[in-house]
């Protein structure tokens, strides 16, 4: 080891707004590793570091690891049919319930794709509305018919015969 090699580095904790979430921004704390330290550890862009805090919370040990531990991918993926049956179980017919409560009951931490919710309107007659506080409420229609279409949809999809009967 030459006398030019440093063994002690100081890093400042910095803060930035997250750009991963488009729904809600939040702040993230991060540190910048000095170039000399990164070169000494042979770190490259994309390497993952595992941080372990000591018992008293005064120091942090960083270790280079091959990659982030992966969750069981099969357990985390849910099919539309499974999601639909769980939503059907937890959504009351004729009464309104907050969508967030229903989604938590079906074990969905992330909101379902918008396409699934739109398909559920047709498949299980899911109804949506907002209350005074702008919360989304869900219910199911007791009818076994398709929810009423809007005027735009009716006119766009209608044939000339349908329009003549509409009058």
N, C-alpha and C. Protein backbone atom coordinates (compact mmCIF):
# COMPACT_ATOMS: atom_id res chain seq x y z
N UNK A 1 0.84 -1.17 0.00
CA UNK A 1 0.00 0.00 0.00
C UNK A 1 0.88 1.23 0.00
N UNK A 2 0.70 2.10 -0.99
CA UNK A 2 1.50 3.32 -1.04
C UNK A 2 0.88 4.38 -0.16
N UNK A 3 1.64 5.45 0.09
CA UNK A 3 1.10 6.48 0.98
C UNK A 3 0.07 7.35 0.28
N UNK A 4 -0.13 7.18 -1.06
CA UNK A 4 -1.18 7.90 -1.78
C UNK A 4 -2.55 7.25 -1.62
N UNK A 5 -2.58 5.96 -1.24
CA UNK A 5 -3.85 5.25 -1.08
C UNK A 5 -4.56 5.70 0.19
N UNK A 6 -5.84 6.11 0.03
CA UNK A 6 -6.63 6.51 1.19
C UNK A 6 -7.43 5.31 1.69
N UNK A 7 -7.59 5.23 2.98
CA UNK A 7 -8.42 4.18 3.55
C UNK A 7 -9.65 4.76 4.23
N UNK A 8 -9.75 6.07 4.29
CA UNK A 8 -10.87 6.71 4.96
C UNK A 8 -11.51 7.72 4.00
N UNK A 9 -12.82 7.60 3.82
CA UNK A 9 -13.56 8.48 2.91
C UNK A 9 -14.76 9.06 3.65
N UNK A 10 -15.13 10.27 3.30
CA UNK A 10 -16.31 10.91 3.87
C UNK A 10 -17.34 11.12 2.77
N UNK A 11 -18.57 10.74 3.06
CA UNK A 11 -19.65 10.90 2.10
C UNK A 11 -20.79 11.66 2.76
N UNK A 12 -21.47 12.50 2.00
CA UNK A 12 -22.59 13.28 2.52
C UNK A 12 -23.89 12.65 2.07
N UNK A 13 -24.84 12.56 2.99
CA UNK A 13 -26.17 12.07 2.64
C UNK A 13 -26.91 13.21 1.96
N UNK A 14 -27.47 12.93 0.79
CA UNK A 14 -28.19 13.94 0.03
C UNK A 14 -29.62 13.49 -0.17
N UNK A 15 -30.45 14.41 -0.66
CA UNK A 15 -31.87 14.12 -0.81
C UNK A 15 -32.34 14.55 -2.19
N UNK A 16 -33.26 13.77 -2.79
CA UNK A 16 -33.87 14.15 -4.06
C UNK A 16 -35.30 13.64 -4.10
N UNK A 17 -36.10 14.21 -5.01
CA UNK A 17 -37.47 13.74 -5.17
C UNK A 17 -37.47 12.51 -6.05
N UNK A 18 -38.29 11.57 -5.69
CA UNK A 18 -38.39 10.33 -6.44
C UNK A 18 -39.13 10.57 -7.75
N UNK A 19 -38.67 9.95 -8.80
CA UNK A 19 -39.36 10.04 -10.08
C UNK A 19 -39.95 8.69 -10.48
N UNK A 20 -39.81 7.68 -9.64
CA UNK A 20 -40.37 6.37 -9.95
C UNK A 20 -41.89 6.37 -9.86
N UNK A 21 -42.43 7.04 -8.90
CA UNK A 21 -43.87 7.01 -8.68
C UNK A 21 -44.50 8.25 -9.30
N UNK A 22 -45.44 8.04 -10.22
CA UNK A 22 -46.12 9.17 -10.84
C UNK A 22 -47.33 9.59 -10.03
N UNK A 23 -47.79 8.73 -9.15
CA UNK A 23 -48.97 9.05 -8.36
C UNK A 23 -48.61 9.98 -7.21
N UNK A 24 -47.58 9.66 -6.48
CA UNK A 24 -47.19 10.44 -5.31
C UNK A 24 -45.68 10.56 -5.28
N UNK A 25 -45.18 11.80 -5.26
CA UNK A 25 -43.75 11.99 -5.17
C UNK A 25 -43.31 11.88 -3.72
N UNK A 26 -42.16 11.32 -3.51
CA UNK A 26 -41.59 11.27 -2.18
C UNK A 26 -40.09 11.47 -2.29
N UNK A 27 -39.49 11.79 -1.18
CA UNK A 27 -38.05 12.07 -1.18
C UNK A 27 -37.26 10.81 -0.89
N UNK A 28 -36.07 10.73 -1.49
CA UNK A 28 -35.17 9.62 -1.25
C UNK A 28 -33.84 10.19 -0.76
N UNK A 29 -33.23 9.48 0.16
CA UNK A 29 -31.90 9.85 0.63
C UNK A 29 -30.89 8.97 -0.10
N UNK A 30 -29.76 9.54 -0.46
CA UNK A 30 -28.74 8.78 -1.15
C UNK A 30 -27.36 9.32 -0.82
N UNK A 31 -26.34 8.51 -1.10
CA UNK A 31 -24.95 8.94 -0.93
C UNK A 31 -24.23 8.76 -2.26
N UNK A 32 -23.22 9.56 -2.48
CA UNK A 32 -22.39 9.44 -3.67
C UNK A 32 -21.06 8.86 -3.23
N UNK A 33 -20.67 7.77 -3.85
CA UNK A 33 -19.41 7.11 -3.50
C UNK A 33 -18.29 7.80 -4.27
N UNK A 34 -17.25 8.23 -3.58
CA UNK A 34 -16.12 8.87 -4.28
C UNK A 34 -15.52 7.96 -5.34
N UNK A 35 -15.07 8.55 -6.44
CA UNK A 35 -14.53 7.80 -7.56
C UNK A 35 -13.36 6.91 -7.13
N UNK A 36 -12.46 7.44 -6.31
CA UNK A 36 -11.29 6.67 -5.88
C UNK A 36 -11.72 5.40 -5.13
N UNK A 37 -12.73 5.52 -4.28
CA UNK A 37 -13.23 4.36 -3.54
C UNK A 37 -13.91 3.37 -4.49
N UNK A 38 -14.70 3.88 -5.42
CA UNK A 38 -15.38 3.01 -6.38
C UNK A 38 -14.37 2.25 -7.24
N UNK A 39 -13.32 2.93 -7.65
CA UNK A 39 -12.29 2.26 -8.45
C UNK A 39 -11.55 1.22 -7.63
N UNK A 40 -11.27 1.53 -6.38
CA UNK A 40 -10.58 0.57 -5.51
C UNK A 40 -11.40 -0.68 -5.26
N UNK A 41 -12.72 -0.53 -5.18
CA UNK A 41 -13.61 -1.68 -4.96
C UNK A 41 -14.06 -2.31 -6.28
N UNK A 42 -13.61 -1.73 -7.40
CA UNK A 42 -14.00 -2.18 -8.73
C UNK A 42 -15.52 -2.16 -8.91
N UNK A 43 -16.13 -1.07 -8.45
CA UNK A 43 -17.58 -0.89 -8.62
C UNK A 43 -17.86 -0.31 -9.99
N UNK A 44 -18.92 -0.77 -10.59
CA UNK A 44 -19.36 -0.25 -11.87
C UNK A 44 -20.84 0.09 -11.76
N UNK A 45 -21.32 0.81 -12.75
CA UNK A 45 -22.73 1.18 -12.77
C UNK A 45 -23.60 -0.08 -12.77
N UNK A 46 -24.58 -0.11 -11.91
CA UNK A 46 -25.48 -1.26 -11.83
C UNK A 46 -25.13 -2.25 -10.74
N UNK A 47 -23.94 -2.15 -10.15
CA UNK A 47 -23.61 -3.05 -9.05
C UNK A 47 -24.52 -2.77 -7.86
N UNK A 48 -24.81 -3.81 -7.11
CA UNK A 48 -25.69 -3.69 -5.95
C UNK A 48 -24.85 -3.81 -4.69
N UNK A 49 -25.10 -2.91 -3.75
CA UNK A 49 -24.42 -2.94 -2.46
C UNK A 49 -25.44 -3.29 -1.38
N UNK A 50 -25.05 -4.18 -0.49
CA UNK A 50 -25.90 -4.55 0.64
C UNK A 50 -25.40 -3.80 1.85
N UNK A 51 -26.30 -3.09 2.54
CA UNK A 51 -25.94 -2.33 3.72
C UNK A 51 -26.40 -3.02 4.99
N UNK A 52 -25.52 -3.13 5.96
CA UNK A 52 -25.85 -3.73 7.25
C UNK A 52 -25.47 -2.72 8.33
N UNK A 53 -26.45 -2.41 9.17
CA UNK A 53 -26.24 -1.44 10.25
C UNK A 53 -25.83 -2.20 11.51
N UNK A 54 -24.90 -1.62 12.26
CA UNK A 54 -24.50 -2.31 13.50
C UNK A 54 -25.60 -2.14 14.54
N UNK A 55 -25.48 -2.88 15.63
CA UNK A 55 -26.52 -2.89 16.66
C UNK A 55 -26.86 -1.54 17.26
N UNK A 56 -25.86 -0.68 17.46
CA UNK A 56 -26.13 0.61 18.08
C UNK A 56 -26.58 1.66 17.07
N UNK A 57 -26.51 1.34 15.79
CA UNK A 57 -26.98 2.26 14.75
C UNK A 57 -26.01 3.38 14.43
N UNK A 58 -24.73 3.21 14.74
CA UNK A 58 -23.76 4.27 14.50
C UNK A 58 -22.88 4.03 13.28
N UNK A 59 -22.91 2.81 12.73
CA UNK A 59 -22.09 2.56 11.55
C UNK A 59 -22.85 1.68 10.56
N UNK A 60 -22.40 1.75 9.31
CA UNK A 60 -23.03 1.02 8.22
C UNK A 60 -21.93 0.32 7.44
N UNK A 61 -22.09 -0.97 7.19
CA UNK A 61 -21.12 -1.74 6.43
C UNK A 61 -21.75 -2.06 5.08
N UNK A 62 -21.07 -1.66 4.00
CA UNK A 62 -21.55 -1.92 2.65
C UNK A 62 -20.74 -3.06 2.05
N UNK A 63 -21.44 -4.01 1.43
CA UNK A 63 -20.80 -5.16 0.81
C UNK A 63 -21.34 -5.30 -0.61
N UNK A 64 -20.44 -5.55 -1.57
CA UNK A 64 -20.85 -5.76 -2.95
C UNK A 64 -21.47 -7.15 -3.07
N UNK A 65 -22.67 -7.22 -3.66
CA UNK A 65 -23.36 -8.50 -3.84
C UNK A 65 -23.67 -8.69 -5.32
N UNK A 66 -23.91 -9.93 -5.76
CA UNK A 66 -24.17 -10.16 -7.18
C UNK A 66 -25.45 -9.49 -7.70
N UNK A 67 -26.46 -9.33 -6.87
CA UNK A 67 -27.71 -8.72 -7.31
C UNK A 67 -28.70 -8.67 -6.16
N UNK A 68 -29.81 -7.96 -6.38
CA UNK A 68 -30.83 -7.89 -5.35
C UNK A 68 -31.48 -9.25 -5.19
N UNK A 69 -31.86 -9.59 -3.95
CA UNK A 69 -32.57 -10.86 -3.78
C UNK A 69 -33.94 -10.76 -4.46
N UNK A 70 -34.29 -11.79 -5.23
CA UNK A 70 -35.55 -11.77 -5.97
C UNK A 70 -36.64 -12.42 -5.14
N UNK A 71 -37.83 -11.83 -5.25
CA UNK A 71 -38.99 -12.41 -4.59
C UNK A 71 -39.46 -13.59 -5.44
N UNK A 72 -40.26 -14.42 -4.84
CA UNK A 72 -40.84 -15.53 -5.58
C UNK A 72 -41.78 -14.94 -6.63
N UNK A 73 -41.37 -14.97 -7.89
CA UNK A 73 -42.12 -14.30 -8.95
C UNK A 73 -43.49 -14.94 -9.17
N UNK A 74 -43.60 -16.24 -9.00
CA UNK A 74 -44.88 -16.91 -9.23
C UNK A 74 -45.91 -16.50 -8.19
N UNK A 75 -45.48 -16.26 -6.95
CA UNK A 75 -46.41 -15.91 -5.89
C UNK A 75 -46.90 -14.47 -6.05
N UNK A 76 -46.07 -13.59 -6.60
CA UNK A 76 -46.45 -12.19 -6.66
C UNK A 76 -47.36 -11.87 -7.85
N UNK A 77 -47.35 -12.71 -8.90
CA UNK A 77 -48.17 -12.45 -10.07
C UNK A 77 -49.56 -13.02 -9.87
N UNK A 78 -50.56 -12.22 -10.21
CA UNK A 78 -51.93 -12.65 -10.08
C UNK A 78 -52.58 -12.54 -11.45
N UNK A 79 -53.35 -13.53 -11.82
CA UNK A 79 -54.03 -13.48 -13.10
C UNK A 79 -55.31 -12.67 -12.97
N UNK A 80 -55.84 -12.25 -14.10
CA UNK A 80 -57.08 -11.46 -14.11
C UNK A 80 -58.23 -12.27 -13.52
N UNK A 81 -58.32 -13.55 -13.85
CA UNK A 81 -59.42 -14.38 -13.36
C UNK A 81 -59.39 -14.51 -11.84
N UNK A 82 -58.20 -14.70 -11.28
CA UNK A 82 -58.05 -14.79 -9.82
C UNK A 82 -58.44 -13.47 -9.17
N UNK A 83 -57.93 -12.37 -9.73
CA UNK A 83 -58.24 -11.04 -9.20
C UNK A 83 -59.75 -10.78 -9.27
N UNK A 84 -60.36 -11.16 -10.38
CA UNK A 84 -61.78 -10.92 -10.59
C UNK A 84 -62.63 -11.68 -9.57
N UNK A 85 -62.28 -12.94 -9.32
CA UNK A 85 -63.06 -13.73 -8.36
C UNK A 85 -62.92 -13.16 -6.94
N UNK A 86 -61.72 -12.69 -6.58
CA UNK A 86 -61.54 -12.09 -5.25
C UNK A 86 -62.29 -10.77 -5.13
N UNK A 87 -62.27 -9.95 -6.17
CA UNK A 87 -63.01 -8.69 -6.13
C UNK A 87 -64.50 -8.97 -6.03
N UNK A 88 -64.96 -9.96 -6.74
CA UNK A 88 -66.39 -10.32 -6.71
C UNK A 88 -66.82 -10.73 -5.30
N UNK A 89 -65.96 -11.46 -4.61
CA UNK A 89 -66.27 -11.89 -3.23
C UNK A 89 -66.37 -10.70 -2.27
N UNK A 90 -65.49 -9.71 -2.46
CA UNK A 90 -65.39 -8.61 -1.49
C UNK A 90 -66.17 -7.36 -1.88
N UNK A 91 -66.79 -7.34 -3.04
CA UNK A 91 -67.54 -6.17 -3.46
C UNK A 91 -69.02 -6.44 -3.25
N UNK A 92 -69.69 -5.63 -2.42
CA UNK A 92 -71.10 -5.87 -2.13
C UNK A 92 -72.00 -5.49 -3.32
N UNK A 93 -73.14 -6.13 -3.39
CA UNK A 93 -74.13 -5.79 -4.42
C UNK A 93 -75.07 -4.77 -3.83
N UNK A 94 -75.18 -3.62 -4.47
CA UNK A 94 -76.13 -2.59 -4.06
C UNK A 94 -75.63 -1.61 -3.01
N UNK A 95 -74.51 -1.87 -2.36
CA UNK A 95 -73.95 -0.91 -1.40
C UNK A 95 -72.55 -0.53 -1.84
N UNK A 96 -72.12 0.66 -1.45
CA UNK A 96 -70.84 1.19 -1.90
C UNK A 96 -69.78 0.98 -0.84
N UNK A 97 -68.60 0.57 -1.28
CA UNK A 97 -67.48 0.30 -0.38
C UNK A 97 -66.24 0.93 -1.00
N UNK A 98 -65.33 1.51 -0.17
CA UNK A 98 -64.11 2.10 -0.74
C UNK A 98 -63.28 1.08 -1.52
N UNK A 99 -62.84 1.47 -2.71
CA UNK A 99 -62.06 0.57 -3.55
C UNK A 99 -60.76 0.16 -2.87
N UNK A 100 -60.16 1.09 -2.11
CA UNK A 100 -58.90 0.78 -1.44
C UNK A 100 -59.08 -0.38 -0.46
N UNK A 101 -60.19 -0.41 0.26
CA UNK A 101 -60.47 -1.49 1.20
C UNK A 101 -60.62 -2.81 0.46
N UNK A 102 -61.28 -2.80 -0.67
CA UNK A 102 -61.48 -4.01 -1.45
C UNK A 102 -60.14 -4.51 -1.99
N UNK A 103 -59.33 -3.59 -2.51
CA UNK A 103 -58.05 -4.00 -3.08
C UNK A 103 -57.11 -4.54 -2.00
N UNK A 104 -57.18 -3.99 -0.78
CA UNK A 104 -56.37 -4.54 0.31
C UNK A 104 -56.85 -5.94 0.68
N UNK A 105 -58.16 -6.16 0.60
CA UNK A 105 -58.71 -7.47 0.93
C UNK A 105 -58.28 -8.53 -0.09
N UNK A 106 -58.06 -8.13 -1.33
CA UNK A 106 -57.65 -9.10 -2.34
C UNK A 106 -56.13 -9.20 -2.43
N UNK A 107 -55.45 -8.71 -1.42
CA UNK A 107 -53.99 -8.83 -1.28
C UNK A 107 -53.24 -8.10 -2.38
N UNK A 108 -53.81 -7.06 -2.93
CA UNK A 108 -53.13 -6.31 -3.98
C UNK A 108 -52.53 -5.04 -3.43
N UNK A 109 -51.25 -5.03 -3.21
CA UNK A 109 -50.61 -3.81 -2.71
C UNK A 109 -50.58 -2.74 -3.79
N UNK A 110 -50.33 -3.17 -5.02
CA UNK A 110 -50.33 -2.22 -6.12
C UNK A 110 -51.71 -2.19 -6.74
N UNK A 111 -52.11 -1.06 -7.26
CA UNK A 111 -53.42 -1.04 -7.90
C UNK A 111 -53.42 -1.95 -9.14
N UNK A 112 -54.57 -2.53 -9.46
CA UNK A 112 -54.61 -3.41 -10.63
C UNK A 112 -54.49 -2.58 -11.90
N UNK A 113 -54.13 -3.20 -12.99
CA UNK A 113 -54.09 -2.45 -14.24
C UNK A 113 -55.48 -1.88 -14.55
N UNK A 114 -55.52 -0.70 -15.12
CA UNK A 114 -56.79 -0.03 -15.42
C UNK A 114 -57.65 -0.89 -16.35
N UNK A 115 -57.00 -1.66 -17.20
CA UNK A 115 -57.74 -2.52 -18.12
C UNK A 115 -58.57 -3.55 -17.34
N UNK A 116 -58.01 -4.08 -16.26
CA UNK A 116 -58.73 -5.06 -15.46
C UNK A 116 -59.99 -4.45 -14.86
N UNK A 117 -59.88 -3.23 -14.36
CA UNK A 117 -61.04 -2.58 -13.76
C UNK A 117 -62.10 -2.33 -14.83
N UNK A 118 -61.68 -1.90 -16.00
CA UNK A 118 -62.64 -1.68 -17.09
C UNK A 118 -63.30 -2.98 -17.52
N UNK A 119 -62.55 -4.07 -17.59
CA UNK A 119 -63.13 -5.36 -17.93
C UNK A 119 -64.10 -5.84 -16.85
N UNK A 120 -63.77 -5.57 -15.59
CA UNK A 120 -64.64 -5.98 -14.47
C UNK A 120 -65.99 -5.27 -14.53
N UNK A 121 -66.02 -4.06 -15.08
CA UNK A 121 -67.30 -3.37 -15.22
C UNK A 121 -68.26 -4.20 -16.06
N UNK A 122 -67.73 -4.86 -17.06
CA UNK A 122 -68.57 -5.69 -17.93
C UNK A 122 -68.76 -7.10 -17.35
N UNK A 123 -67.68 -7.71 -16.86
CA UNK A 123 -67.73 -9.11 -16.45
C UNK A 123 -68.54 -9.34 -15.17
N UNK A 124 -68.33 -8.52 -14.14
CA UNK A 124 -69.05 -8.72 -12.88
C UNK A 124 -69.94 -7.53 -12.55
N UNK A 125 -70.15 -6.64 -13.52
CA UNK A 125 -71.02 -5.47 -13.38
C UNK A 125 -70.54 -4.56 -12.26
N UNK A 126 -69.23 -4.31 -12.26
CA UNK A 126 -68.62 -3.42 -11.28
C UNK A 126 -69.03 -1.98 -11.58
N UNK A 127 -69.42 -1.26 -10.54
CA UNK A 127 -69.78 0.15 -10.67
C UNK A 127 -68.78 0.98 -9.88
N UNK A 128 -68.44 2.15 -10.40
CA UNK A 128 -67.48 3.03 -9.72
C UNK A 128 -68.07 4.42 -9.61
N UNK A 129 -67.78 5.09 -8.48
CA UNK A 129 -68.13 6.50 -8.32
C UNK A 129 -67.20 7.11 -7.29
N UNK A 130 -67.21 8.42 -7.22
CA UNK A 130 -66.38 9.14 -6.23
C UNK A 130 -67.32 9.77 -5.20
N UNK A 131 -66.87 9.77 -3.94
CA UNK A 131 -67.65 10.44 -2.90
C UNK A 131 -67.19 11.89 -2.74
N UNK A 132 -67.69 12.56 -1.71
CA UNK A 132 -67.35 13.98 -1.49
C UNK A 132 -65.86 14.21 -1.32
N UNK A 133 -65.17 13.25 -0.72
CA UNK A 133 -63.74 13.40 -0.45
C UNK A 133 -62.88 12.85 -1.58
N UNK A 134 -63.49 12.55 -2.73
CA UNK A 134 -62.81 12.06 -3.93
C UNK A 134 -62.25 10.65 -3.78
N UNK A 135 -62.74 9.91 -2.80
CA UNK A 135 -62.35 8.49 -2.71
C UNK A 135 -63.15 7.71 -3.76
N UNK A 136 -62.53 6.72 -4.33
CA UNK A 136 -63.25 5.87 -5.30
C UNK A 136 -64.00 4.80 -4.53
N UNK A 137 -65.29 4.69 -4.84
CA UNK A 137 -66.14 3.68 -4.22
C UNK A 137 -66.54 2.67 -5.28
N UNK A 138 -66.63 1.40 -4.88
CA UNK A 138 -67.03 0.35 -5.80
C UNK A 138 -68.28 -0.33 -5.27
N UNK A 139 -69.10 -0.79 -6.18
CA UNK A 139 -70.26 -1.60 -5.87
C UNK A 139 -70.50 -2.51 -7.07
N UNK A 140 -71.46 -3.42 -6.93
CA UNK A 140 -71.83 -4.26 -8.06
C UNK A 140 -73.31 -4.10 -8.33
N UNK A 141 -73.65 -4.11 -9.58
CA UNK A 141 -75.03 -3.99 -9.99
C UNK A 141 -75.74 -5.32 -9.78
N UNK A 142 -76.97 -5.30 -9.23
CA UNK A 142 -77.69 -6.56 -9.05
C UNK A 142 -78.20 -7.12 -10.37
N UNK A 143 -78.24 -6.30 -11.40
CA UNK A 143 -78.75 -6.74 -12.70
C UNK A 143 -77.70 -7.59 -13.40
N UNK A 144 -78.20 -8.48 -14.22
CA UNK A 144 -77.30 -9.32 -15.01
C UNK A 144 -77.11 -8.73 -16.41
N UNK A 145 -77.35 -7.44 -16.55
CA UNK A 145 -77.19 -6.78 -17.84
C UNK A 145 -75.95 -5.92 -17.80
N UNK A 146 -75.54 -5.52 -18.99
CA UNK A 146 -74.37 -4.65 -19.11
C UNK A 146 -74.72 -3.28 -18.55
N UNK A 147 -73.80 -2.61 -17.84
CA UNK A 147 -74.09 -1.27 -17.35
C UNK A 147 -74.48 -0.34 -18.50
N UNK A 148 -75.34 0.64 -18.23
CA UNK A 148 -75.80 1.51 -19.32
C UNK A 148 -74.63 2.21 -19.99
N UNK A 149 -74.65 2.23 -21.30
CA UNK A 149 -73.59 2.87 -22.07
C UNK A 149 -73.82 4.37 -22.13
N UNK A 150 -72.75 5.10 -22.30
CA UNK A 150 -72.89 6.54 -22.42
C UNK A 150 -73.37 6.88 -23.82
N UNK A 151 -73.83 8.10 -24.00
CA UNK A 151 -74.35 8.53 -25.29
C UNK A 151 -73.28 8.43 -26.36
N UNK A 152 -72.05 8.81 -26.02
CA UNK A 152 -70.96 8.77 -27.00
C UNK A 152 -70.75 7.35 -27.50
N UNK A 153 -70.72 6.39 -26.58
CA UNK A 153 -70.51 5.00 -26.97
C UNK A 153 -71.68 4.50 -27.80
N UNK A 154 -72.90 4.85 -27.40
CA UNK A 154 -74.08 4.40 -28.12
C UNK A 154 -74.06 4.92 -29.55
N UNK A 155 -73.79 6.21 -29.74
CA UNK A 155 -73.79 6.78 -31.07
C UNK A 155 -72.61 6.31 -31.91
N UNK A 156 -71.47 6.12 -31.27
CA UNK A 156 -70.29 5.70 -32.01
C UNK A 156 -70.45 4.28 -32.53
N UNK A 157 -71.01 3.40 -31.72
CA UNK A 157 -71.12 1.99 -32.10
C UNK A 157 -72.43 1.66 -32.80
N UNK A 158 -73.35 2.60 -32.83
CA UNK A 158 -74.68 2.33 -33.37
C UNK A 158 -74.67 2.27 -34.89
N UNK A 159 -75.61 1.45 -35.41
CA UNK A 159 -75.82 1.40 -36.85
C UNK A 159 -76.93 2.38 -37.20
N UNK A 160 -77.17 2.59 -38.46
CA UNK A 160 -78.23 3.51 -38.89
C UNK A 160 -79.59 3.03 -38.40
N UNK A 161 -79.83 1.73 -38.41
CA UNK A 161 -81.09 1.16 -37.93
C UNK A 161 -81.28 1.46 -36.44
N UNK A 162 -80.20 1.32 -35.66
CA UNK A 162 -80.28 1.61 -34.23
C UNK A 162 -80.63 3.07 -33.97
N UNK A 163 -80.07 3.97 -34.76
CA UNK A 163 -80.33 5.39 -34.57
C UNK A 163 -81.78 5.70 -34.91
N UNK A 164 -82.32 5.07 -35.93
CA UNK A 164 -83.72 5.31 -36.31
C UNK A 164 -84.66 4.79 -35.20
N UNK A 165 -84.30 3.67 -34.56
CA UNK A 165 -85.12 3.13 -33.47
C UNK A 165 -84.96 3.96 -32.20
N UNK A 166 -83.81 4.63 -32.05
CA UNK A 166 -83.51 5.44 -30.86
C UNK A 166 -84.46 6.63 -30.75
N UNK A 167 -84.88 7.19 -31.91
CA UNK A 167 -85.79 8.34 -31.91
C UNK A 167 -87.09 7.89 -31.40
